[in-house]
Structures are given as structure tokens and as C-alpha cells.
Amino acid sequence: MSSKHQSVRDYIAARQAGDADRASQIAQEVAARFTTRTTDGSEAAEIAVASMTIPLGTSA
């Protein structure tokens, strides 16, 4: 999954690395931007799709 949003790419990388805390932090930041309407919603939609399709890896 590719994205124009750096936050989504970071979220995917965190999930693949097994860093649930970082992934959660990124998702919360994106949700806050969506809530305050500083994003058009595509960023939040991509995070939602990634959360359902990218498995949480195991941290080493």
C-alpha cells in the first residue's frame, strides 16, 4: 500500500515493525487533525484501511 501521506507511510512501517505504541500515536495524531478539519479525510481513511490490512509485525 502506497500513500501520499507521510503519516500513513510511518503508520505502516510502525505496524510492520511491531511497534503498536507508535502506530497508535500516529493514528491518534491523524484523528486529531481530522477532528479539527486540518486534513481532508483521505489521510484518516488510509490509516483505517491500513489498520485492517497491514498485520502487526513482531518486534525483535
N, C-alpha and C. Protein backbone atom coordinates (compact mmCIF):
# COMPACT_ATOMS: atom_id res chain seq x y z
N MET A 1 0.85 -1.18 0.00
CA MET A 1 0.00 0.00 0.00
C MET A 1 0.89 1.23 0.00
N SER A 2 0.71 2.09 -0.97
CA SER A 2 1.48 3.33 -1.02
C SER A 2 0.55 4.50 -0.70
N SER A 3 1.13 5.57 -0.21
CA SER A 3 0.33 6.72 0.17
C SER A 3 1.10 8.00 -0.09
N LYS A 4 0.36 9.07 -0.35
CA LYS A 4 1.00 10.38 -0.49
C LYS A 4 1.24 11.00 0.88
N HIS A 5 0.66 10.42 1.92
CA HIS A 5 0.78 10.96 3.27
C HIS A 5 1.93 10.29 4.02
N GLN A 6 2.85 11.10 4.51
CA GLN A 6 3.98 10.57 5.28
C GLN A 6 3.49 9.85 6.54
N SER A 7 2.44 10.37 7.15
CA SER A 7 1.92 9.75 8.37
C SER A 7 1.45 8.32 8.11
N VAL A 8 0.85 8.09 6.96
CA VAL A 8 0.37 6.74 6.63
C VAL A 8 1.56 5.82 6.39
N ARG A 9 2.56 6.32 5.69
CA ARG A 9 3.77 5.50 5.47
C ARG A 9 4.44 5.18 6.80
N ASP A 10 4.49 6.15 7.71
CA ASP A 10 5.06 5.91 9.04
C ASP A 10 4.22 4.91 9.83
N TYR A 11 2.91 5.02 9.72
CA TYR A 11 2.00 4.11 10.41
C TYR A 11 2.22 2.67 9.93
N ILE A 12 2.30 2.50 8.62
CA ILE A 12 2.53 1.17 8.06
C ILE A 12 3.87 0.61 8.53
N ALA A 13 4.91 1.44 8.51
CA ALA A 13 6.23 1.00 8.96
C ALA A 13 6.19 0.58 10.43
N ALA A 14 5.48 1.35 11.25
CA ALA A 14 5.38 1.02 12.67
C ALA A 14 4.64 -0.31 12.86
N ARG A 15 3.56 -0.51 12.14
CA ARG A 15 2.82 -1.78 12.26
C ARG A 15 3.69 -2.95 11.81
N GLN A 16 4.38 -2.78 10.70
CA GLN A 16 5.21 -3.87 10.20
C GLN A 16 6.35 -4.19 11.15
N ALA A 17 6.82 -3.19 11.89
CA ALA A 17 7.90 -3.38 12.85
C ALA A 17 7.39 -3.90 14.19
N GLY A 18 6.07 -3.98 14.34
CA GLY A 18 5.51 -4.46 15.59
C GLY A 18 5.43 -3.40 16.67
N ASP A 19 5.55 -2.14 16.29
CA ASP A 19 5.52 -1.03 17.25
C ASP A 19 4.09 -0.50 17.40
N ALA A 20 3.31 -1.21 18.20
CA ALA A 20 1.90 -0.85 18.37
C ALA A 20 1.74 0.52 19.02
N ASP A 21 2.64 0.88 19.92
CA ASP A 21 2.55 2.19 20.59
C ASP A 21 2.71 3.33 19.59
N ARG A 22 3.72 3.21 18.72
CA ARG A 22 3.95 4.26 17.72
C ARG A 22 2.80 4.32 16.71
N ALA A 23 2.33 3.17 16.30
CA ALA A 23 1.20 3.13 15.36
C ALA A 23 -0.02 3.81 15.97
N SER A 24 -0.28 3.53 17.23
CA SER A 24 -1.41 4.14 17.92
C SER A 24 -1.23 5.65 18.03
N GLN A 25 -0.02 6.09 18.33
CA GLN A 25 0.25 7.52 18.43
C GLN A 25 -0.02 8.22 17.09
N ILE A 26 0.44 7.62 16.01
CA ILE A 26 0.23 8.20 14.68
C ILE A 26 -1.26 8.27 14.37
N ALA A 27 -1.98 7.19 14.65
CA ALA A 27 -3.43 7.16 14.40
C ALA A 27 -4.14 8.24 15.20
N GLN A 28 -3.73 8.46 16.44
CA GLN A 28 -4.34 9.50 17.27
C GLN A 28 -4.06 10.89 16.71
N GLU A 29 -2.84 11.10 16.22
CA GLU A 29 -2.48 12.40 15.63
C GLU A 29 -3.32 12.67 14.38
N VAL A 30 -3.49 11.64 13.56
CA VAL A 30 -4.29 11.79 12.34
C VAL A 30 -5.75 12.06 12.71
N ALA A 31 -6.26 11.34 13.70
CA ALA A 31 -7.64 11.56 14.14
C ALA A 31 -7.84 12.99 14.65
N ALA A 32 -6.86 13.51 15.36
CA ALA A 32 -6.95 14.88 15.86
C ALA A 32 -6.97 15.88 14.71
N ARG A 33 -6.15 15.64 13.69
CA ARG A 33 -6.16 16.53 12.52
C ARG A 33 -7.50 16.46 11.80
N PHE A 34 -8.07 15.26 11.71
CA PHE A 34 -9.37 15.11 11.06
C PHE A 34 -10.45 15.83 11.87
N THR A 35 -10.41 15.67 13.17
CA THR A 35 -11.40 16.29 14.05
C THR A 35 -11.38 17.81 13.92
N THR A 36 -10.19 18.38 13.79
CA THR A 36 -10.08 19.84 13.67
C THR A 36 -10.13 20.31 12.22
N ARG A 37 -10.38 19.37 11.33
CA ARG A 37 -10.53 19.66 9.88
C ARG A 37 -9.27 20.24 9.25
N THR A 38 -8.10 19.83 9.75
CA THR A 38 -6.86 20.27 9.12
C THR A 38 -6.38 19.25 8.09
N THR A 39 -7.21 18.25 7.83
CA THR A 39 -6.95 17.28 6.77
C THR A 39 -8.29 17.00 6.09
N ASP A 40 -8.23 16.56 4.85
CA ASP A 40 -9.47 16.36 4.08
C ASP A 40 -10.15 15.02 4.34
N GLY A 41 -9.57 14.20 5.15
CA GLY A 41 -10.17 12.91 5.46
C GLY A 41 -9.52 11.74 4.74
N SER A 42 -8.79 12.02 3.66
CA SER A 42 -8.14 10.92 2.94
C SER A 42 -7.05 10.28 3.79
N GLU A 43 -6.38 11.09 4.58
CA GLU A 43 -5.33 10.58 5.48
C GLU A 43 -5.94 9.62 6.50
N ALA A 44 -7.05 10.01 7.11
CA ALA A 44 -7.72 9.16 8.09
C ALA A 44 -8.26 7.89 7.44
N ALA A 45 -8.78 8.02 6.24
CA ALA A 45 -9.31 6.85 5.53
C ALA A 45 -8.19 5.85 5.24
N GLU A 46 -7.03 6.34 4.83
CA GLU A 46 -5.90 5.45 4.54
C GLU A 46 -5.39 4.77 5.80
N ILE A 47 -5.39 5.49 6.93
CA ILE A 47 -5.00 4.88 8.20
C ILE A 47 -5.98 3.76 8.55
N ALA A 48 -7.26 4.00 8.35
CA ALA A 48 -8.27 2.98 8.65
C ALA A 48 -8.07 1.73 7.80
N VAL A 49 -7.82 1.92 6.51
CA VAL A 49 -7.58 0.78 5.63
C VAL A 49 -6.31 0.04 6.05
N ALA A 50 -5.27 0.78 6.35
CA ALA A 50 -4.01 0.16 6.75
C ALA A 50 -4.18 -0.63 8.05
N SER A 51 -5.00 -0.12 8.95
CA SER A 51 -5.19 -0.82 10.23
C SER A 51 -5.89 -2.16 10.02
N MET A 52 -6.66 -2.26 8.96
CA MET A 52 -7.39 -3.50 8.69
C MET A 52 -6.62 -4.46 7.78
N THR A 53 -5.62 -3.93 7.06
CA THR A 53 -4.96 -4.77 6.06
C THR A 53 -3.49 -5.06 6.35
N ILE A 54 -2.86 -4.24 7.18
CA ILE A 54 -1.44 -4.43 7.48
C ILE A 54 -1.33 -5.12 8.83
N PRO A 55 -0.83 -6.35 8.85
CA PRO A 55 -0.73 -7.05 10.14
C PRO A 55 0.34 -6.42 11.03
N LEU A 56 0.10 -6.50 12.32
CA LEU A 56 1.08 -6.03 13.28
C LEU A 56 2.21 -7.04 13.34
N GLY A 57 3.41 -6.59 12.99
CA GLY A 57 4.57 -7.47 12.99
C GLY A 57 5.03 -7.76 14.41
N THR A 58 6.06 -8.52 14.50
CA THR A 58 6.62 -8.82 15.81
C THR A 58 7.91 -8.04 15.97
N SER A 59 8.02 -7.35 17.08
CA SER A 59 9.24 -6.58 17.33
C SER A 59 10.36 -7.53 17.72
N ALA A 60 11.55 -7.18 17.30
CA ALA A 60 12.71 -8.05 17.55
C ALA A 60 13.29 -7.82 18.92
